[in-house]
Amino acid sequence: MKKTGIAAGLKMLQCFNLAAICALSVWHAYAFYLHQAITHEARPHVMEWQPLPAHQQNTPRIMT
């Protein structure tokens, strides 16, 4: 009976350790990205390509 209680306690401790490791990794990722966002200047605006307008009345047509 005592052996199963110790085994259950160790299993619970392993689950706690796993949860603590996950929480720490999430916290470190948050701190890392927050630090990068604060220290780095804003990146330049990304050029956005827009399609040319369709045929306009004042442009000459090329007949093929």
C-alpha atoms as a PDB file:
ATOM      1  CA  MET A   1       0.000   0.000   0.000  1.00  0.00           C
ATOM      2  CA  LYS A   2       2.805   2.371   0.862  1.00  0.00           C
ATOM      3  CA  LYS A   3       4.585   1.644  -2.427  1.00  0.00           C
ATOM      4  CA  THR A   4       1.572   2.705  -4.527  1.00  0.00           C
ATOM      5  CA  GLY A   5       1.305   5.953  -2.591  1.00  0.00           C
ATOM      6  CA  ILE A   6       4.947   6.759  -3.299  1.00  0.00           C
ATOM      7  CA  ALA A   7       4.510   5.862  -6.971  1.00  0.00           C
ATOM      8  CA  ALA A   8       1.436   8.079  -7.210  1.00  0.00           C
ATOM      9  CA  GLY A   9       3.340  10.905  -5.508  1.00  0.00           C
ATOM     10  CA  LEU A  10       6.210  10.572  -7.976  1.00  0.00           C
ATOM     11  CA  LYS A  11       3.810  10.554 -10.921  1.00  0.00           C
ATOM     12  CA  MET A  12       2.181  13.719  -9.596  1.00  0.00           C
ATOM     13  CA  LEU A  13       5.592  15.321  -9.160  1.00  0.00           C
ATOM     14  CA  GLN A  14       6.494  14.435 -12.754  1.00  0.00           C
ATOM     15  CA  CYS A  15       3.274  16.076 -14.007  1.00  0.00           C
ATOM     16  CA  PHE A  16       4.025  19.163 -11.943  1.00  0.00           C
ATOM     17  CA  ASN A  17       7.564  19.309 -13.344  1.00  0.00           C
ATOM     18  CA  LEU A  18       6.268  19.011 -16.893  1.00  0.00           C
ATOM     19  CA  ALA A  19       3.712  21.784 -16.302  1.00  0.00           C
ATOM     20  CA  ALA A  20       6.392  24.002 -14.772  1.00  0.00           C
ATOM     21  CA  ILE A  21       8.720  23.443 -17.728  1.00  0.00           C
ATOM     22  CA  CYS A  22       5.928  24.306 -20.186  1.00  0.00           C
ATOM     23  CA  ALA A  23       5.000  27.439 -18.250  1.00  0.00           C
ATOM     24  CA  LEU A  24       8.618  28.569 -18.136  1.00  0.00           C
ATOM     25  CA  SER A  25       9.104  28.028 -21.855  1.00  0.00           C
ATOM     26  CA  VAL A  26       5.981  30.065 -22.629  1.00  0.00           C
ATOM     27  CA  TRP A  27       7.141  32.835 -20.300  1.00  0.00           C
ATOM     28  CA  HIS A  28      10.620  32.929 -21.839  1.00  0.00           C
ATOM     29  CA  ALA A  29       9.189  33.058 -25.368  1.00  0.00           C
ATOM     30  CA  TYR A  30       6.916  35.939 -24.331  1.00  0.00           C
ATOM     31  CA  ALA A  31       9.795  37.814 -22.697  1.00  0.00           C
ATOM     32  CA  PHE A  32      12.049  37.220 -25.716  1.00  0.00           C
ATOM     33  CA  TYR A  33       9.562  38.540 -28.269  1.00  0.00           C
ATOM     34  CA  LEU A  34       8.550  41.441 -26.046  1.00  0.00           C
ATOM     35  CA  HIS A  35      12.201  42.424 -25.610  1.00  0.00           C
ATOM     36  CA  GLN A  36      12.756  42.236 -29.372  1.00  0.00           C
ATOM     37  CA  ALA A  37       9.683  44.347 -30.063  1.00  0.00           C
ATOM     38  CA  ILE A  38      10.840  47.034 -27.635  1.00  0.00           C
ATOM     39  CA  THR A  39      14.512  47.181 -28.650  1.00  0.00           C
ATOM     40  CA  HIS A  40      14.244  46.943 -32.436  1.00  0.00           C
ATOM     41  CA  GLU A  41      13.059  49.835 -34.500  1.00  0.00           C
ATOM     42  CA  ALA A  42       9.977  49.341 -36.583  1.00  0.00           C
ATOM     43  CA  ARG A  43      10.745  47.544 -39.794  1.00  0.00           C
ATOM     44  CA  PRO A  44      10.289  49.546 -42.987  1.00  0.00           C
ATOM     45  CA  HIS A  45       6.942  49.248 -44.670  1.00  0.00           C
ATOM     46  CA  VAL A  46       6.748  46.306 -47.012  1.00  0.00           C
ATOM     47  CA  MET A  47       6.190  47.322 -50.609  1.00  0.00           C
ATOM     48  CA  GLU A  48       2.772  46.283 -51.732  1.00  0.00           C
ATOM     49  CA  TRP A  49       2.325  45.346 -55.376  1.00  0.00           C
ATOM     50  CA  GLN A  50      -1.005  46.353 -56.823  1.00  0.00           C
ATOM     51  CA  PRO A  51      -2.283  45.341 -60.224  1.00  0.00           C
ATOM     52  CA  LEU A  52      -2.453  47.945 -62.961  1.00  0.00           C
ATOM     53  CA  PRO A  53      -5.916  49.139 -63.837  1.00  0.00           C
ATOM     54  CA  ALA A  54      -7.693  47.441 -66.714  1.00  0.00           C
ATOM     55  CA  HIS A  55      -7.689  49.001 -70.157  1.00  0.00           C
ATOM     56  CA  GLN A  56      -8.415  52.711 -70.062  1.00  0.00           C
ATOM     57  CA  GLN A  57     -10.139  54.638 -72.849  1.00  0.00           C
ATOM     58  CA  ASN A  58      -7.230  57.051 -73.446  1.00  0.00           C
ATOM     59  CA  THR A  59      -4.529  54.398 -73.920  1.00  0.00           C
ATOM     60  CA  PRO A  60      -3.858  53.096 -77.425  1.00  0.00           C
ATOM     61  CA  ARG A  61      -4.805  49.509 -78.134  1.00  0.00           C
ATOM     62  CA  ILE A  62      -2.322  47.129 -79.688  1.00  0.00           C
ATOM     63  CA  MET A  63      -3.971  45.143 -82.425  1.00  0.00           C
ATOM     64  CA  THR A  64      -2.460  41.761 -83.147  1.00  0.00           C
END
